[in-house]
Amino acid sequence: MYITDLTHFLDKSGAIGPVKGPARAMAQFHVDVVAHASDTTGHALAAPRCFKCKKSAVEAIRAHDDAIVWACPVCRIDGRISNWQGSLWDLRDRPRARG
């Protein structure tokens, strides 16, 4: 299980810190999971593909303690993301689309 504090991937301005390489890819995966799981509009962003097997989209939900819990249904890798609240990828306050 990957236990992640999202702030460890962010710079002082709140943007993704790592510029390139595996750290950037891992950071991008985690912020994509946060955006997907925190969107409450009913039109959630697509779940990102698993960073390990790349075969399936991960399943992600907010846990009772407000961490985001994710898992890949194919390779069974999973994780928890904490300290995502208030980040640029926290979409809880995203305006609902008109239509």
C-alpha atoms as a PDB file:
ATOM      1  CA  MET A   1       0.000   0.000   0.000  1.00  0.00           C
ATOM      2  CA  TYR A   2       1.246   3.470  -0.909  1.00  0.00           C
ATOM      3  CA  ILE A   3       0.721   5.938   1.957  1.00  0.00           C
ATOM      4  CA  THR A   4       1.046   9.435   0.558  1.00  0.00           C
ATOM      5  CA  ASP A   5       0.961  12.910   2.031  1.00  0.00           C
ATOM      6  CA  LEU A   6       0.129  15.012  -1.034  1.00  0.00           C
ATOM      7  CA  THR A   7       2.083  17.992   0.281  1.00  0.00           C
ATOM      8  CA  HIS A   8       5.298  15.991  -0.163  1.00  0.00           C
ATOM      9  CA  PHE A   9       4.792  16.249  -3.937  1.00  0.00           C
ATOM     10  CA  LEU A  10       4.025  19.986  -3.941  1.00  0.00           C
ATOM     11  CA  ASP A  11       6.225  23.062  -3.985  1.00  0.00           C
ATOM     12  CA  LYS A  12       5.737  26.199  -1.860  1.00  0.00           C
ATOM     13  CA  SER A  13       3.173  27.624  -4.320  1.00  0.00           C
ATOM     14  CA  GLY A  14       1.100  24.418  -4.204  1.00  0.00           C
ATOM     15  CA  ALA A  15       2.042  23.251  -7.704  1.00  0.00           C
ATOM     16  CA  ILE A  16       3.587  19.880  -8.487  1.00  0.00           C
ATOM     17  CA  GLY A  17       7.184  20.022  -7.271  1.00  0.00           C
ATOM     18  CA  PRO A  18       9.008  17.366  -9.303  1.00  0.00           C
ATOM     19  CA  VAL A  19       9.755  18.648 -12.804  1.00  0.00           C
ATOM     20  CA  LYS A  20      10.480  15.394 -14.633  1.00  0.00           C
ATOM     21  CA  GLY A  21      11.137  11.707 -14.319  1.00  0.00           C
ATOM     22  CA  PRO A  22       9.476   9.076 -12.141  1.00  0.00           C
ATOM     23  CA  ALA A  23       8.796  11.523  -9.297  1.00  0.00           C
ATOM     24  CA  ARG A  24       6.835  13.795 -11.665  1.00  0.00           C
ATOM     25  CA  ALA A  25       4.841  10.844 -13.012  1.00  0.00           C
ATOM     26  CA  MET A  26       4.004   9.678  -9.489  1.00  0.00           C
ATOM     27  CA  ALA A  27       3.026  13.195  -8.429  1.00  0.00           C
ATOM     28  CA  GLN A  28       0.797  13.570 -11.496  1.00  0.00           C
ATOM     29  CA  PHE A  29      -0.905  10.254 -10.762  1.00  0.00           C
ATOM     30  CA  HIS A  30      -1.651  11.308  -7.181  1.00  0.00           C
ATOM     31  CA  VAL A  31      -3.076  14.723  -8.087  1.00  0.00           C
ATOM     32  CA  ASP A  32      -5.220  13.076 -10.776  1.00  0.00           C
ATOM     33  CA  VAL A  33      -6.596  10.654  -8.173  1.00  0.00           C
ATOM     34  CA  VAL A  34      -7.354  13.582  -5.845  1.00  0.00           C
ATOM     35  CA  ALA A  35      -9.151  15.522  -8.583  1.00  0.00           C
ATOM     36  CA  HIS A  36     -11.217  12.471  -9.516  1.00  0.00           C
ATOM     37  CA  ALA A  37     -12.176  11.511  -5.954  1.00  0.00           C
ATOM     38  CA  SER A  38     -12.885  15.032  -4.697  1.00  0.00           C
ATOM     39  CA  ASP A  39     -15.164  16.133  -7.556  1.00  0.00           C
ATOM     40  CA  THR A  40     -18.698  16.093  -6.143  1.00  0.00           C
ATOM     41  CA  THR A  41     -20.513  17.546  -9.158  1.00  0.00           C
ATOM     42  CA  GLY A  42     -21.798  14.223 -10.441  1.00  0.00           C
ATOM     43  CA  HIS A  43     -19.669  14.725 -13.546  1.00  0.00           C
ATOM     44  CA  ALA A  44     -16.420  13.538 -11.997  1.00  0.00           C
ATOM     45  CA  LEU A  45     -13.247  13.610 -13.998  1.00  0.00           C
ATOM     46  CA  ALA A  46     -12.188  10.266 -15.393  1.00  0.00           C
ATOM     47  CA  ALA A  47     -10.166   8.156 -13.008  1.00  0.00           C
ATOM     48  CA  PRO A  48      -6.489   7.927 -13.932  1.00  0.00           C
ATOM     49  CA  ARG A  49      -4.975   4.704 -15.197  1.00  0.00           C
ATOM     50  CA  CYS A  50      -2.934   2.700 -12.736  1.00  0.00           C
ATOM     51  CA  PHE A  51       0.666   3.912 -12.718  1.00  0.00           C
ATOM     52  CA  LYS A  52       1.951   0.360 -12.284  1.00  0.00           C
ATOM     53  CA  CYS A  53       0.045  -1.881 -14.719  1.00  0.00           C
ATOM     54  CA  LYS A  54      -1.448   0.879 -16.908  1.00  0.00           C
ATOM     55  CA  LYS A  55      -4.276  -1.540 -17.776  1.00  0.00           C
ATOM     56  CA  SER A  56      -7.180  -0.118 -15.827  1.00  0.00           C
ATOM     57  CA  ALA A  57      -8.492   3.035 -14.259  1.00  0.00           C
ATOM     58  CA  VAL A  58      -8.111   3.061 -10.492  1.00  0.00           C
ATOM     59  CA  GLU A  59     -11.091   3.169  -8.183  1.00  0.00           C
ATOM     60  CA  ALA A  60     -10.931   6.041  -5.687  1.00  0.00           C
ATOM     61  CA  ILE A  61     -13.165   7.198  -2.846  1.00  0.00           C
ATOM     62  CA  ARG A  62     -12.984   9.462   0.173  1.00  0.00           C
ATOM     63  CA  ALA A  63     -12.618   7.406   3.354  1.00  0.00           C
ATOM     64  CA  HIS A  64     -14.354   8.073   6.677  1.00  0.00           C
ATOM     65  CA  ASP A  65     -11.266   9.964   7.878  1.00  0.00           C
ATOM     66  CA  ASP A  66     -11.313  12.095   4.669  1.00  0.00           C
ATOM     67  CA  ALA A  67      -8.217  10.470   3.184  1.00  0.00           C
ATOM     68  CA  ILE A  68      -8.574   9.374  -0.410  1.00  0.00           C
ATOM     69  CA  VAL A  69      -8.298   5.615  -0.812  1.00  0.00           C
ATOM     70  CA  TRP A  70      -7.551   4.194  -4.254  1.00  0.00           C
ATOM     71  CA  ALA A  71      -7.020   0.730  -5.722  1.00  0.00           C
ATOM     72  CA  CYS A  72      -6.358  -0.854  -9.097  1.00  0.00           C
ATOM     73  CA  PRO A  73      -8.853  -3.651  -9.820  1.00  0.00           C
ATOM     74  CA  VAL A  74      -6.369  -5.405 -12.130  1.00  0.00           C
ATOM     75  CA  CYS A  75      -3.002  -5.479 -10.340  1.00  0.00           C
ATOM     76  CA  ARG A  76      -4.450  -4.873  -6.845  1.00  0.00           C
ATOM     77  CA  ILE A  77      -2.015  -2.099  -5.925  1.00  0.00           C
ATOM     78  CA  ASP A  78      -3.613   0.445  -3.604  1.00  0.00           C
ATOM     79  CA  GLY A  79      -2.965   3.517  -1.538  1.00  0.00           C
ATOM     80  CA  ARG A  80      -4.146   6.345   0.712  1.00  0.00           C
ATOM     81  CA  ILE A  81      -3.633  10.049   0.093  1.00  0.00           C
ATOM     82  CA  SER A  82      -3.787  12.518   2.986  1.00  0.00           C
ATOM     83  CA  ASN A  83      -3.414  16.305   3.197  1.00  0.00           C
ATOM     84  CA  TRP A  84      -5.063  16.868  -0.176  1.00  0.00           C
ATOM     85  CA  GLN A  85      -7.685  19.274   1.189  1.00  0.00           C
ATOM     86  CA  GLY A  86      -7.201  22.825  -0.083  1.00  0.00           C
ATOM     87  CA  SER A  87      -4.778  21.759  -2.820  1.00  0.00           C
ATOM     88  CA  LEU A  88      -5.197  22.888  -6.417  1.00  0.00           C
ATOM     89  CA  TRP A  89      -6.750  19.476  -7.131  1.00  0.00           C
ATOM     90  CA  ASP A  90      -9.362  19.635  -4.371  1.00  0.00           C
ATOM     91  CA  LEU A  91     -12.517  19.948  -6.468  1.00  0.00           C
ATOM     92  CA  ARG A  92     -15.097  19.792  -3.694  1.00  0.00           C
ATOM     93  CA  ASP A  93     -16.061  23.424  -4.310  1.00  0.00           C
ATOM     94  CA  ARG A  94     -16.055  23.103  -8.104  1.00  0.00           C
ATOM     95  CA  PRO A  95     -19.110  24.866  -9.553  1.00  0.00           C
ATOM     96  CA  ARG A  96     -21.747  22.591 -11.019  1.00  0.00           C
ATOM     97  CA  ALA A  97     -22.130  22.759 -14.792  1.00  0.00           C
ATOM     98  CA  ARG A  98     -25.287  24.388 -16.031  1.00  0.00           C
ATOM     99  CA  GLY A  99     -27.423  22.450 -18.375  1.00  0.00           C
END
